[in-house]
């Protein structure tokens, strides 16, 4: 079962290519990002989910690549931050159910006076 060097290299490159393709976050079209942000602002949960499905956007792998732009009175940020700012509770609940726990807290900075604490979240 000894393989030649060239065969081993081909297998190695194929494995590296496959793993790197799987590890990348899904990119989201900027036009879709703006439309998703607008649906969040308007609290249209069903249309939001339909848009994700029609464009084959998986929030579990692409959430961090979607950033809503700055508008009057809102500094911009993630979909969760946008839903929170505009009190879009239906969309907010759908988002929390669809993303990783790490993504819920990735924008939050820990306070300077809090040391060695963990934030634990769970989904219903």
PDB file of N, CA and C in Angstrom:
ATOM      1  N   UNK A   1       0.805  -1.191   0.000  1.00  0.00           N
ATOM      2  CA  UNK A   1       0.000   0.000   0.000  1.00  0.00           C
ATOM      3  C   UNK A   1       0.853   1.261   0.000  1.00  0.00           C
ATOM      4  N   UNK A   2       2.013   1.188  -0.574  1.00  0.00           N
ATOM      5  CA  UNK A   2       2.864   2.372  -0.670  1.00  0.00           C
ATOM      6  C   UNK A   2       2.475   3.153  -1.909  1.00  0.00           C
ATOM      7  N   UNK A   3       2.284   4.450  -1.729  1.00  0.00           N
ATOM      8  CA  UNK A   3       1.913   5.308  -2.848  1.00  0.00           C
ATOM      9  C   UNK A   3       3.092   6.179  -3.216  1.00  0.00           C
ATOM     10  N   UNK A   4       3.108   6.584  -4.463  1.00  0.00           N
ATOM     11  CA  UNK A   4       4.191   7.454  -4.918  1.00  0.00           C
ATOM     12  C   UNK A   4       4.049   8.845  -4.292  1.00  0.00           C
ATOM     13  N   UNK A   5       5.113   9.608  -4.349  1.00  0.00           N
ATOM     14  CA  UNK A   5       5.119  10.964  -3.798  1.00  0.00           C
ATOM     15  C   UNK A   5       4.067  11.831  -4.491  1.00  0.00           C
ATOM     16  N   UNK A   6       3.963  11.719  -5.800  1.00  0.00           N
ATOM     17  CA  UNK A   6       3.001  12.554  -6.529  1.00  0.00           C
ATOM     18  C   UNK A   6       1.562  12.216  -6.131  1.00  0.00           C
ATOM     19  N   UNK A   7       1.271  10.947  -5.915  1.00  0.00           N
ATOM     20  CA  UNK A   7      -0.070  10.554  -5.482  1.00  0.00           C
ATOM     21  C   UNK A   7      -0.367  11.116  -4.098  1.00  0.00           C
ATOM     22  N   UNK A   8       0.607  11.054  -3.215  1.00  0.00           N
ATOM     23  CA  UNK A   8       0.429  11.592  -1.867  1.00  0.00           C
ATOM     24  C   UNK A   8       0.189  13.105  -1.904  1.00  0.00           C
ATOM     25  N   UNK A   9       0.926  13.809  -2.770  1.00  0.00           N
ATOM     26  CA  UNK A   9       0.749  15.253  -2.885  1.00  0.00           C
ATOM     27  C   UNK A   9      -0.639  15.609  -3.409  1.00  0.00           C
ATOM     28  N   UNK A  10      -1.110  14.861  -4.393  1.00  0.00           N
ATOM     29  CA  UNK A  10      -2.445  15.108  -4.942  1.00  0.00           C
ATOM     30  C   UNK A  10      -3.501  14.909  -3.858  1.00  0.00           C
ATOM     31  N   UNK A  11      -3.371  13.854  -3.082  1.00  0.00           N
ATOM     32  CA  UNK A  11      -4.324  13.591  -1.998  1.00  0.00           C
ATOM     33  C   UNK A  11      -4.260  14.698  -0.952  1.00  0.00           C
ATOM     34  N   UNK A  12      -3.046  15.137  -0.615  1.00  0.00           N
ATOM     35  CA  UNK A  12      -2.869  16.200   0.366  1.00  0.00           C
ATOM     36  C   UNK A  12      -3.503  17.508  -0.106  1.00  0.00           C
ATOM     37  N   UNK A  13      -3.257  17.891  -1.361  1.00  0.00           N
ATOM     38  CA  UNK A  13      -3.840  19.122  -1.897  1.00  0.00           C
ATOM     39  C   UNK A  13      -5.362  19.041  -1.959  1.00  0.00           C
ATOM     40  N   UNK A  14      -5.883  17.896  -2.339  1.00  0.00           N
ATOM     41  CA  UNK A  14      -7.336  17.728  -2.402  1.00  0.00           C
ATOM     42  C   UNK A  14      -7.955  17.868  -1.014  1.00  0.00           C
ATOM     43  N   UNK A  15      -7.321  17.276  -0.023  1.00  0.00           N
ATOM     44  CA  UNK A  15      -7.827  17.372   1.348  1.00  0.00           C
ATOM     45  C   UNK A  15      -7.765  18.815   1.850  1.00  0.00           C
ATOM     46  N   UNK A  16      -6.665  19.510   1.579  1.00  0.00           N
ATOM     47  CA  UNK A  16      -6.527  20.910   2.010  1.00  0.00           C
ATOM     48  C   UNK A  16      -7.568  21.798   1.344  1.00  0.00           C
ATOM     49  N   UNK A  17      -7.789  21.598   0.050  1.00  0.00           N
ATOM     50  CA  UNK A  17      -8.773  22.389  -0.684  1.00  0.00           C
ATOM     51  C   UNK A  17     -10.171  22.161  -0.125  1.00  0.00           C
ATOM     52  N   UNK A  18     -10.509  20.907   0.134  1.00  0.00           N
ATOM     53  CA  UNK A  18     -11.826  20.576   0.665  1.00  0.00           C
ATOM     54  C   UNK A  18     -12.036  21.191   2.040  1.00  0.00           C
ATOM     55  N   UNK A  19     -11.050  21.072   2.914  1.00  0.00           N
ATOM     56  CA  UNK A  19     -11.178  21.616   4.262  1.00  0.00           C
ATOM     57  C   UNK A  19     -11.248  23.135   4.263  1.00  0.00           C
ATOM     58  N   UNK A  20     -10.469  23.782   3.407  1.00  0.00           N
ATOM     59  CA  UNK A  20     -10.508  25.247   3.373  1.00  0.00           C
ATOM     60  C   UNK A  20     -11.842  25.746   2.830  1.00  0.00           C
ATOM     61  N   UNK A  21     -12.415  25.036   1.884  1.00  0.00           N
ATOM     62  CA  UNK A  21     -13.720  25.428   1.343  1.00  0.00           C
ATOM     63  C   UNK A  21     -14.808  25.287   2.402  1.00  0.00           C
ATOM     64  N   UNK A  22     -14.701  24.264   3.225  1.00  0.00           N
ATOM     65  CA  UNK A  22     -15.700  24.051   4.267  1.00  0.00           C
ATOM     66  C   UNK A  22     -15.552  25.055   5.404  1.00  0.00           C
ATOM     67  N   UNK A  23     -14.351  25.525   5.662  1.00  0.00           N
ATOM     68  CA  UNK A  23     -14.092  26.401   6.802  1.00  0.00           C
ATOM     69  C   UNK A  23     -14.488  27.851   6.549  1.00  0.00           C
ATOM     70  N   UNK A  24     -14.596  28.262   5.301  1.00  0.00           N
ATOM     71  CA  UNK A  24     -14.897  29.656   5.002  1.00  0.00           C
ATOM     72  C   UNK A  24     -16.335  29.992   5.359  1.00  0.00           C
ATOM     73  N   UNK A  25     -16.524  31.224   5.826  1.00  0.00           N
ATOM     74  CA  UNK A  25     -17.883  31.694   6.069  1.00  0.00           C
ATOM     75  C   UNK A  25     -18.545  31.985   4.729  1.00  0.00           C
ATOM     76  N   UNK A  26     -19.846  31.809   4.691  1.00  0.00           N
ATOM     77  CA  UNK A  26     -20.585  32.116   3.475  1.00  0.00           C
ATOM     78  C   UNK A  26     -20.648  33.628   3.290  1.00  0.00           C
ATOM     79  N   UNK A  27     -20.328  34.074   2.095  1.00  0.00           N
ATOM     80  CA  UNK A  27     -20.428  35.500   1.782  1.00  0.00           C
ATOM     81  C   UNK A  27     -21.865  35.807   1.374  1.00  0.00           C
ATOM     82  N   UNK A  28     -22.327  36.988   1.722  1.00  0.00           N
ATOM     83  CA  UNK A  28     -23.693  37.393   1.397  1.00  0.00           C
ATOM     84  C   UNK A  28     -23.626  38.597   0.467  1.00  0.00           C
ATOM     85  N   UNK A  29     -24.389  38.542  -0.603  1.00  0.00           N
ATOM     86  CA  UNK A  29     -24.472  39.622  -1.575  1.00  0.00           C
ATOM     87  C   UNK A  29     -24.886  40.924  -0.873  1.00  0.00           C
ATOM     88  N   UNK A  30     -24.198  42.042  -1.133  1.00  0.00           N
ATOM     89  CA  UNK A  30     -24.548  43.317  -0.478  1.00  0.00           C
ATOM     90  C   UNK A  30     -25.999  43.752  -0.693  1.00  0.00           C
ATOM     91  N   UNK A  31     -26.553  43.473  -1.860  1.00  0.00           N
ATOM     92  CA  UNK A  31     -27.959  43.828  -2.107  1.00  0.00           C
ATOM     93  C   UNK A  31     -28.875  43.031  -1.177  1.00  0.00           C
ATOM     94  N   UNK A  32     -28.554  41.760  -0.977  1.00  0.00           N
ATOM     95  CA  UNK A  32     -29.338  40.938  -0.053  1.00  0.00           C
ATOM     96  C   UNK A  32     -29.181  41.428   1.382  1.00  0.00           C
ATOM     97  N   UNK A  33     -27.977  41.883   1.725  1.00  0.00           N
ATOM     98  CA  UNK A  33     -27.733  42.406   3.069  1.00  0.00           C
ATOM     99  C   UNK A  33     -28.641  43.592   3.354  1.00  0.00           C
ATOM    100  N   UNK A  34     -28.724  44.524   2.416  1.00  0.00           N
ATOM    101  CA  UNK A  34     -29.582  45.700   2.610  1.00  0.00           C
ATOM    102  C   UNK A  34     -31.052  45.310   2.740  1.00  0.00           C
ATOM    103  N   UNK A  35     -31.473  44.356   1.924  1.00  0.00           N
ATOM    104  CA  UNK A  35     -32.870  43.920   1.990  1.00  0.00           C
ATOM    105  C   UNK A  35     -33.163  43.209   3.313  1.00  0.00           C
ATOM    106  N   UNK A  36     -32.225  42.378   3.769  1.00  0.00           N
ATOM    107  CA  UNK A  36     -32.406  41.706   5.055  1.00  0.00           C
ATOM    108  C   UNK A  36     -32.482  42.724   6.193  1.00  0.00           C
ATOM    109  N   UNK A  37     -31.619  43.727   6.145  1.00  0.00           N
ATOM    110  CA  UNK A  37     -31.631  44.769   7.175  1.00  0.00           C
ATOM    111  C   UNK A  37     -32.963  45.515   7.184  1.00  0.00           C
ATOM    112  N   UNK A  38     -33.496  45.792   6.012  1.00  0.00           N
ATOM    113  CA  UNK A  38     -34.781  46.489   5.922  1.00  0.00           C
ATOM    114  C   UNK A  38     -35.903  45.628   6.499  1.00  0.00           C
ATOM    115  N   UNK A  39     -35.882  44.335   6.215  1.00  0.00           N
ATOM    116  CA  UNK A  39     -36.901  43.433   6.759  1.00  0.00           C
ATOM    117  C   UNK A  39     -36.803  43.351   8.281  1.00  0.00           C
ATOM    118  N   UNK A  40     -35.581  43.399   8.802  1.00  0.00           N
ATOM    119  CA  UNK A  40     -35.401  43.399  10.258  1.00  0.00           C
ATOM    120  C   UNK A  40     -35.988  44.674  10.850  1.00  0.00           C
ATOM    121  N   UNK A  41     -35.683  45.816  10.252  1.00  0.00           N
ATOM    122  CA  UNK A  41     -36.191  47.103  10.760  1.00  0.00           C
ATOM    123  C   UNK A  41     -37.716  47.124  10.809  1.00  0.00           C
ATOM    124  N   UNK A  42     -38.339  46.512   9.799  1.00  0.00           N
ATOM    125  CA  UNK A  42     -39.801  46.507   9.706  1.00  0.00           C
ATOM    126  C   UNK A  42     -40.434  45.355  10.479  1.00  0.00           C
ATOM    127  N   UNK A  43     -39.615  44.521  11.117  1.00  0.00           N
ATOM    128  CA  UNK A  43     -40.072  43.383  11.919  1.00  0.00           C
ATOM    129  C   UNK A  43     -40.936  42.408  11.112  1.00  0.00           C
ATOM    130  N   UNK A  44     -40.513  42.114   9.901  1.00  0.00           N
ATOM    131  CA  UNK A  44     -41.231  41.194   9.026  1.00  0.00           C
ATOM    132  C   UNK A  44     -40.539  39.832   9.073  1.00  0.00           C
ATOM    133  N   UNK A  45     -40.853  39.073  10.109  1.00  0.00           N
ATOM    134  CA  UNK A  45     -40.168  37.806  10.365  1.00  0.00           C
ATOM    135  C   UNK A  45     -40.391  36.788   9.250  1.00  0.00           C
ATOM    136  N   UNK A  46     -41.634  36.648   8.797  1.00  0.00           N
ATOM    137  CA  UNK A  46     -41.924  35.641   7.773  1.00  0.00           C
ATOM    138  C   UNK A  46     -41.226  35.977   6.454  1.00  0.00           C
ATOM    139  N   UNK A  47     -41.255  37.239   6.066  1.00  0.00           N
ATOM    140  CA  UNK A  47     -40.563  37.650   4.838  1.00  0.00           C
ATOM    141  C   UNK A  47     -39.051  37.519   4.991  1.00  0.00           C
ATOM    142  N   UNK A  48     -38.545  37.770   6.186  1.00  0.00           N
ATOM    143  CA  UNK A  48     -37.118  37.619   6.478  1.00  0.00           C
ATOM    144  C   UNK A  48     -36.687  36.167   6.260  1.00  0.00           C
ATOM    145  N   UNK A  49     -37.452  35.233   6.816  1.00  0.00           N
ATOM    146  CA  UNK A  49     -37.146  33.803   6.663  1.00  0.00           C
ATOM    147  C   UNK A  49     -37.277  33.392   5.199  1.00  0.00           C
ATOM    148  N   UNK A  50     -38.304  33.884   4.512  1.00  0.00           N
ATOM    149  CA  UNK A  50     -38.487  33.564   3.089  1.00  0.00           C
ATOM    150  C   UNK A  50     -37.309  34.049   2.254  1.00  0.00           C
ATOM    151  N   UNK A  51     -36.810  35.243   2.559  1.00  0.00           N
ATOM    152  CA  UNK A  51     -35.658  35.794   1.836  1.00  0.00           C
ATOM    153  C   UNK A  51     -34.417  34.929   2.066  1.00  0.00           C
ATOM    154  N   UNK A  52     -34.202  34.521   3.304  1.00  0.00           N
ATOM    155  CA  UNK A  52     -33.063  33.650   3.604  1.00  0.00           C
ATOM    156  C   UNK A  52     -33.155  32.349   2.813  1.00  0.00           C
ATOM    157  N   UNK A  53     -34.346  31.777   2.766  1.00  0.00           N
ATOM    158  CA  UNK A  53     -34.526  30.512   2.055  1.00  0.00           C
ATOM    159  C   UNK A  53     -34.389  30.683   0.549  1.00  0.00           C
ATOM    160  N   UNK A  54     -34.968  31.745  -0.013  1.00  0.00           N
ATOM    161  CA  UNK A  54     -34.918  31.934  -1.468  1.00  0.00           C
ATOM    162  C   UNK A  54     -33.501  32.213  -1.959  1.00  0.00           C
ATOM    163  N   UNK A  55     -32.692  32.875  -1.140  1.00  0.00           N
ATOM    164  CA  UNK A  55     -31.309  33.189  -1.526  1.00  0.00           C
ATOM    165  C   UNK A  55     -30.316  32.154  -1.000  1.00  0.00           C
ATOM    166  N   UNK A  56     -30.821  31.121  -0.333  1.00  0.00           N
ATOM    167  CA  UNK A  56     -29.994  30.052   0.237  1.00  0.00           C
ATOM    168  C   UNK A  56     -28.917  30.621   1.174  1.00  0.00           C
ATOM    169  N   UNK A  57     -29.343  31.520   2.060  1.00  0.00           N
ATOM    170  CA  UNK A  57     -28.443  32.124   3.044  1.00  0.00           C
ATOM    171  C   UNK A  57     -28.616  31.373   4.356  1.00  0.00           C
ATOM    172  N   UNK A  58     -27.536  30.830   4.862  1.00  0.00           N
ATOM    173  CA  UNK A  58     -27.562  30.111   6.121  1.00  0.00           C
ATOM    174  C   UNK A  58     -26.938  30.987   7.205  1.00  0.00           C
ATOM    175  N   UNK A  59     -27.757  31.464   8.118  1.00  0.00           N
ATOM    176  CA  UNK A  59     -27.267  32.359   9.161  1.00  0.00           C
ATOM    177  C   UNK A  59     -26.240  31.691  10.060  1.00  0.00           C
ATOM    178  N   UNK A  60     -26.331  30.379  10.193  1.00  0.00           N
ATOM    179  CA  UNK A  60     -25.400  29.674  11.079  1.00  0.00           C
ATOM    180  C   UNK A  60     -23.956  29.865  10.628  1.00  0.00           C
ATOM    181  N   UNK A  61     -23.736  30.000   9.315  1.00  0.00           N
ATOM    182  CA  UNK A  61     -22.368  30.162   8.808  1.00  0.00           C
ATOM    183  C   UNK A  61     -22.081  31.548   8.260  1.00  0.00           C
ATOM    184  N   UNK A  62     -23.096  32.369   8.056  1.00  0.00           N
ATOM    185  CA  UNK A  62     -22.857  33.666   7.415  1.00  0.00           C
ATOM    186  C   UNK A  62     -23.270  34.868   8.263  1.00  0.00           C
ATOM    187  N   UNK A  63     -23.696  34.654   9.500  1.00  0.00           N
ATOM    188  CA  UNK A  63     -24.231  35.742  10.319  1.00  0.00           C
ATOM    189  C   UNK A  63     -23.257  36.908  10.460  1.00  0.00           C
ATOM    190  N   UNK A  64     -21.992  36.630  10.732  1.00  0.00           N
ATOM    191  CA  UNK A  64     -21.022  37.702  10.988  1.00  0.00           C
ATOM    192  C   UNK A  64     -20.680  38.515   9.745  1.00  0.00           C
ATOM    193  N   UNK A  65     -20.987  38.003   8.571  1.00  0.00           N
ATOM    194  CA  UNK A  65     -20.688  38.754   7.347  1.00  0.00           C
ATOM    195  C   UNK A  65     -21.810  39.728   6.973  1.00  0.00           C
ATOM    196  N   UNK A  66     -22.906  39.721   7.710  1.00  0.00           N
ATOM    197  CA  UNK A  66     -24.032  40.618   7.434  1.00  0.00           C
ATOM    198  C   UNK A  66     -24.001  41.770   8.434  1.00  0.00           C
ATOM    199  N   UNK A  67     -23.777  42.968   7.938  1.00  0.00           N
ATOM    200  CA  UNK A  67     -23.734  44.157   8.789  1.00  0.00           C
ATOM    201  C   UNK A  67     -24.677  45.211   8.222  1.00  0.00           C
ATOM    202  N   UNK A  68     -25.574  45.687   9.051  1.00  0.00           N
ATOM    203  CA  UNK A  68     -26.519  46.721   8.625  1.00  0.00           C
ATOM    204  C   UNK A  68     -25.850  48.088   8.681  1.00  0.00           C
ATOM    205  N   UNK A  69     -26.159  48.948   7.710  1.00  0.00           N
ATOM    206  CA  UNK A  69     -25.488  50.254   7.631  1.00  0.00           C
ATOM    207  C   UNK A  69     -25.976  51.239   8.699  1.00  0.00           C
ATOM    208  N   UNK A  70     -25.190  52.265   8.887  1.00  0.00           N
ATOM    209  CA  UNK A  70     -25.535  53.346   9.804  1.00  0.00           C
ATOM    210  C   UNK A  70     -26.681  54.167   9.224  1.00  0.00           C
ATOM    211  N   UNK A  71     -27.645  54.480  10.059  1.00  0.00           N
ATOM    212  CA  UNK A  71     -28.747  55.361   9.667  1.00  0.00           C
ATOM    213  C   UNK A  71     -28.934  56.395  10.774  1.00  0.00           C
ATOM    214  N   UNK A  72     -29.816  57.329  10.555  1.00  0.00           N
ATOM    215  CA  UNK A  72     -30.072  58.376  11.538  1.00  0.00           C
ATOM    216  C   UNK A  72     -30.540  57.755  12.856  1.00  0.00           C
ATOM    217  N   UNK A  73     -29.799  57.952  13.912  1.00  0.00           N
ATOM    218  CA  UNK A  73     -30.154  57.419  15.220  1.00  0.00           C
ATOM    219  C   UNK A  73     -29.689  55.998  15.475  1.00  0.00           C
ATOM    220  N   UNK A  74     -29.025  55.376  14.515  1.00  0.00           N
ATOM    221  CA  UNK A  74     -28.542  54.001  14.673  1.00  0.00           C
ATOM    222  C   UNK A  74     -27.131  53.916  14.117  1.00  0.00           C
ATOM    223  N   UNK A  75     -26.213  53.395  14.909  1.00  0.00           N
ATOM    224  CA  UNK A  75     -24.802  53.341  14.520  1.00  0.00           C
ATOM    225  C   UNK A  75     -24.477  52.213  13.545  1.00  0.00           C
ATOM    226  N   UNK A  76     -25.425  51.371  13.254  1.00  0.00           N
ATOM    227  CA  UNK A  76     -25.164  50.225  12.398  1.00  0.00           C
ATOM    228  C   UNK A  76     -24.691  49.055  13.235  1.00  0.00           C
ATOM    229  N   UNK A  77     -24.630  47.897  12.611  1.00  0.00           N
ATOM    230  CA  UNK A  77     -24.164  46.719  13.336  1.00  0.00           C
ATOM    231  C   UNK A  77     -24.816  45.452  12.834  1.00  0.00           C
ATOM    232  N   UNK A  78     -24.793  44.451  13.674  1.00  0.00           N
ATOM    233  CA  UNK A  78     -25.295  43.129  13.311  1.00  0.00           C
ATOM    234  C   UNK A  78     -26.819  43.130  13.190  1.00  0.00           C
ATOM    235  N   UNK A  79     -27.338  42.011  12.692  1.00  0.00           N
ATOM    236  CA  UNK A  79     -28.791  41.870  12.578  1.00  0.00           C
ATOM    237  C   UNK A  79     -29.455  41.903  13.954  1.00  0.00           C
ATOM    238  N   UNK A  80     -28.826  41.261  14.948  1.00  0.00           N
ATOM    239  CA  UNK A  80     -29.390  41.284  16.300  1.00  0.00           C
ATOM    240  C   UNK A  80     -29.414  42.694  16.872  1.00  0.00           C
ATOM    241  N   UNK A  81     -28.337  43.416  16.665  1.00  0.00           N
ATOM    242  CA  UNK A  81     -28.268  44.792  17.166  1.00  0.00           C
ATOM    243  C   UNK A  81     -29.333  45.652  16.483  1.00  0.00           C
ATOM    244  N   UNK A  82     -29.541  45.422  15.188  1.00  0.00           N
ATOM    245  CA  UNK A  82     -30.559  46.162  14.440  1.00  0.00           C
ATOM    246  C   UNK A  82     -31.955  45.824  14.950  1.00  0.00           C
ATOM    247  N   UNK A  83     -32.222  44.533  15.137  1.00  0.00           N
ATOM    248  CA  UNK A  83     -33.533  44.112  15.642  1.00  0.00           C
ATOM    249  C   UNK A  83     -33.788  44.678  17.032  1.00  0.00           C
ATOM    250  N   UNK A  84     -32.768  44.702  17.856  1.00  0.00           N
ATOM    251  CA  UNK A  84     -32.916  45.252  19.200  1.00  0.00           C
ATOM    252  C   UNK A  84     -33.198  46.752  19.148  1.00  0.00           C
ATOM    253  N   UNK A  85     -32.470  47.466  18.311  1.00  0.00           N
ATOM    254  CA  UNK A  85     -32.640  48.919  18.216  1.00  0.00           C
ATOM    255  C   UNK A  85     -34.040  49.297  17.731  1.00  0.00           C
ATOM    256  N   UNK A  86     -34.541  48.558  16.749  1.00  0.00           N
ATOM    257  CA  UNK A  86     -35.851  48.872  16.172  1.00  0.00           C
ATOM    258  C   UNK A  86     -36.996  48.094  16.836  1.00  0.00           C
ATOM    259  N   UNK A  87     -36.728  47.431  17.950  1.00  0.00           N
ATOM    260  CA  UNK A  87     -37.731  46.663  18.702  1.00  0.00           C
ATOM    261  C   UNK A  87     -38.456  45.649  17.823  1.00  0.00           C
ATOM    262  N   UNK A  88     -37.711  44.977  16.977  1.00  0.00           N
ATOM    263  CA  UNK A  88     -38.268  43.963  16.078  1.00  0.00           C
ATOM    264  C   UNK A  88     -38.217  42.602  16.780  1.00  0.00           C
ATOM    265  N   UNK A  89     -39.160  42.379  17.681  1.00  0.00           N
ATOM    266  CA  UNK A  89     -39.098  41.201  18.550  1.00  0.00           C
ATOM    267  C   UNK A  89     -39.276  39.882  17.802  1.00  0.00           C
ATOM    268  N   UNK A  90     -40.145  39.852  16.805  1.00  0.00           N
ATOM    269  CA  UNK A  90     -40.354  38.603  16.064  1.00  0.00           C
ATOM    270  C   UNK A  90     -39.085  38.185  15.333  1.00  0.00           C
ATOM    271  N   UNK A  91     -38.455  39.119  14.657  1.00  0.00           N
ATOM    272  CA  UNK A  91     -37.218  38.821  13.934  1.00  0.00           C
ATOM    273  C   UNK A  91     -36.102  38.498  14.927  1.00  0.00           C
ATOM    274  N   UNK A  92     -36.043  39.232  16.016  1.00  0.00           N
ATOM    275  CA  UNK A  92     -35.026  38.993  17.046  1.00  0.00           C
ATOM    276  C   UNK A  92     -35.098  37.547  17.538  1.00  0.00           C
ATOM    277  N   UNK A  93     -36.309  37.073  17.841  1.00  0.00           N
ATOM    278  CA  UNK A  93     -36.480  35.696  18.318  1.00  0.00           C
ATOM    279  C   UNK A  93     -36.054  34.680  17.268  1.00  0.00           C
ATOM    280  N   UNK A  94     -36.382  34.932  16.006  1.00  0.00           N
ATOM    281  CA  UNK A  94     -35.964  34.024  14.925  1.00  0.00           C
ATOM    282  C   UNK A  94     -34.443  33.992  14.804  1.00  0.00           C
ATOM    283  N   UNK A  95     -33.816  35.162  14.932  1.00  0.00           N
ATOM    284  CA  UNK A  95     -32.357  35.233  14.835  1.00  0.00           C
ATOM    285  C   UNK A  95     -31.691  34.443  15.952  1.00  0.00           C
ATOM    286  N   UNK A  96     -32.169  34.615  17.168  1.00  0.00           N
ATOM    287  CA  UNK A  96     -31.569  33.920  18.310  1.00  0.00           C
ATOM    288  C   UNK A  96     -31.669  32.408  18.131  1.00  0.00           C
ATOM    289  N   UNK A  97     -32.734  31.939  17.504  1.00  0.00           N
ATOM    290  CA  UNK A  97     -32.902  30.508  17.270  1.00  0.00           C
ATOM    291  C   UNK A  97     -32.035  29.996  16.125  1.00  0.00           C
ATOM    292  N   UNK A  98     -31.543  30.894  15.265  1.00  0.00           N
ATOM    293  CA  UNK A  98     -30.867  30.482  14.035  1.00  0.00           C
ATOM    294  C   UNK A  98     -29.352  30.619  14.043  1.00  0.00           C
ATOM    295  N   UNK A  99     -28.776  31.266  15.041  1.00  0.00           N
ATOM    296  CA  UNK A  99     -27.336  31.513  15.008  1.00  0.00           C
ATOM    297  C   UNK A  99     -26.635  30.807  16.161  1.00  0.00           C
ATOM    298  N   UNK A 100     -25.305  30.761  16.078  1.00  0.00           N
ATOM    299  CA  UNK A 100     -24.502  30.153  17.137  1.00  0.00           C
ATOM    300  C   UNK A 100     -24.511  31.048  18.372  1.00  0.00           C
ATOM    301  N   UNK A 101     -24.363  30.436  19.528  1.00  0.00           N
ATOM    302  CA  UNK A 101     -24.313  31.198  20.772  1.00  0.00           C
ATOM    303  C   UNK A 101     -23.144  32.179  20.736  1.00  0.00           C
ATOM    304  N   UNK A 102     -22.013  31.766  20.190  1.00  0.00           N
ATOM    305  CA  UNK A 102     -20.855  32.665  20.084  1.00  0.00           C
ATOM    306  C   UNK A 102     -21.200  33.922  19.295  1.00  0.00           C
ATOM    307  N   UNK A 103     -22.037  33.782  18.277  1.00  0.00           N
ATOM    308  CA  UNK A 103     -22.402  34.929  17.445  1.00  0.00           C
ATOM    309  C   UNK A 103     -23.295  35.924  18.186  1.00  0.00           C
ATOM    310  N   UNK A 104     -24.011  35.453  19.191  1.00  0.00           N
ATOM    311  CA  UNK A 104     -24.872  36.355  19.951  1.00  0.00           C
ATOM    312  C   UNK A 104     -24.026  37.386  20.686  1.00  0.00           C
ATOM    313  N   UNK A 105     -22.869  36.961  21.163  1.00  0.00           N
ATOM    314  CA  UNK A 105     -22.046  37.830  21.998  1.00  0.00           C
ATOM    315  C   UNK A 105     -20.782  38.328  21.319  1.00  0.00           C
ATOM    316  N   UNK A 106     -20.590  38.089  20.035  1.00  0.00           N
ATOM    317  CA  UNK A 106     -19.311  38.427  19.406  1.00  0.00           C
ATOM    318  C   UNK A 106     -19.059  39.922  19.334  1.00  0.00           C
ATOM    319  N   UNK A 107     -20.091  40.751  19.316  1.00  0.00           N
ATOM    320  CA  UNK A 107     -19.898  42.204  19.271  1.00  0.00           C
ATOM    321  C   UNK A 107     -19.717  42.815  20.654  1.00  0.00           C
ATOM    322  N   UNK A 108     -20.217  42.143  21.662  1.00  0.00           N
ATOM    323  CA  UNK A 108     -20.186  42.705  23.010  1.00  0.00           C
ATOM    324  C   UNK A 108     -18.769  42.681  23.571  1.00  0.00           C
ATOM    325  N   UNK A 109     -18.385  43.758  24.176  1.00  0.00           N
ATOM    326  CA  UNK A 109     -17.085  43.840  24.837  1.00  0.00           C
ATOM    327  C   UNK A 109     -17.308  43.656  26.336  1.00  0.00           C
ATOM    328  N   UNK A 110     -16.533  42.805  26.985  1.00  0.00           N
ATOM    329  CA  UNK A 110     -16.717  42.634  28.428  1.00  0.00           C
ATOM    330  C   UNK A 110     -16.329  43.904  29.181  1.00  0.00           C
ATOM    331  N   UNK A 111     -17.018  44.165  30.247  1.00  0.00           N
ATOM    332  CA  UNK A 111     -16.711  45.339  31.069  1.00  0.00           C
ATOM    333  C   UNK A 111     -15.360  45.151  31.745  1.00  0.00           C
ATOM    334  N   UNK A 112     -14.668  46.239  31.992  1.00  0.00           N
ATOM    335  CA  UNK A 112     -13.325  46.183  32.573  1.00  0.00           C
ATOM    336  C   UNK A 112     -13.341  45.629  33.994  1.00  0.00           C
ATOM    337  N   UNK A 113     -14.436  45.825  34.711  1.00  0.00           N
ATOM    338  CA  UNK A 113     -14.477  45.373  36.099  1.00  0.00           C
ATOM    339  C   UNK A 113     -14.948  43.930  36.255  1.00  0.00           C
ATOM    340  N   UNK A 114     -15.292  43.282  35.154  1.00  0.00           N
ATOM    341  CA  UNK A 114     -15.730  41.890  35.216  1.00  0.00           C
ATOM    342  C   UNK A 114     -14.560  41.009  34.799  1.00  0.00           C
ATOM    343  N   UNK A 115     -14.156  40.130  35.687  1.00  0.00           N
ATOM    344  CA  UNK A 115     -13.027  39.246  35.388  1.00  0.00           C
ATOM    345  C   UNK A 115     -13.442  37.796  35.623  1.00  0.00           C
ATOM    346  N   UNK A 116     -12.967  36.932  34.756  1.00  0.00           N
ATOM    347  CA  UNK A 116     -13.178  35.490  34.882  1.00  0.00           C
ATOM    348  C   UNK A 116     -14.648  35.103  34.996  1.00  0.00           C
ATOM    349  N   UNK A 117     -15.485  35.748  34.230  1.00  0.00           N
ATOM    350  CA  UNK A 117     -16.895  35.365  34.221  1.00  0.00           C
ATOM    351  C   UNK A 117     -17.252  34.850  32.841  1.00  0.00           C
ATOM    352  N   UNK A 118     -18.262  34.060  32.793  1.00  0.00           N
ATOM    353  CA  UNK A 118     -18.730  33.514  31.525  1.00  0.00           C
ATOM    354  C   UNK A 118     -20.185  33.894  31.334  1.00  0.00           C
ATOM    355  N   UNK A 119     -20.518  34.153  30.108  1.00  0.00           N
ATOM    356  CA  UNK A 119     -21.915  34.388  29.768  1.00  0.00           C
ATOM    357  C   UNK A 119     -22.437  33.076  29.207  1.00  0.00           C
ATOM    358  N   UNK A 120     -23.467  32.554  29.805  1.00  0.00           N
ATOM    359  CA  UNK A 120     -24.032  31.289  29.360  1.00  0.00           C
ATOM    360  C   UNK A 120     -25.425  31.569  28.811  1.00  0.00           C
ATOM    361  N   UNK A 121     -25.660  31.124  27.613  1.00  0.00           N
ATOM    362  CA  UNK A 121     -26.966  31.324  26.988  1.00  0.00           C
ATOM    363  C   UNK A 121     -27.504  29.980  26.531  1.00  0.00           C
ATOM    364  N   UNK A 122     -28.767  29.859  26.466  1.00  0.00           N
ATOM    365  CA  UNK A 122     -29.374  28.651  25.940  1.00  0.00           C
ATOM    366  C   UNK A 122     -30.560  29.030  25.083  1.00  0.00           C
ATOM    367  N   UNK A 123     -30.917  28.103  24.233  1.00  0.00           N
ATOM    368  CA  UNK A 123     -32.049  28.328  23.336  1.00  0.00           C
ATOM    369  C   UNK A 123     -33.224  27.480  23.799  1.00  0.00           C
ATOM    370  N   UNK A 124     -34.397  28.025  23.713  1.00  0.00           N
ATOM    371  CA  UNK A 124     -35.600  27.263  24.068  1.00  0.00           C
ATOM    372  C   UNK A 124     -36.003  26.392  22.917  1.00  0.00           C
TER     373      UNK A 124
END
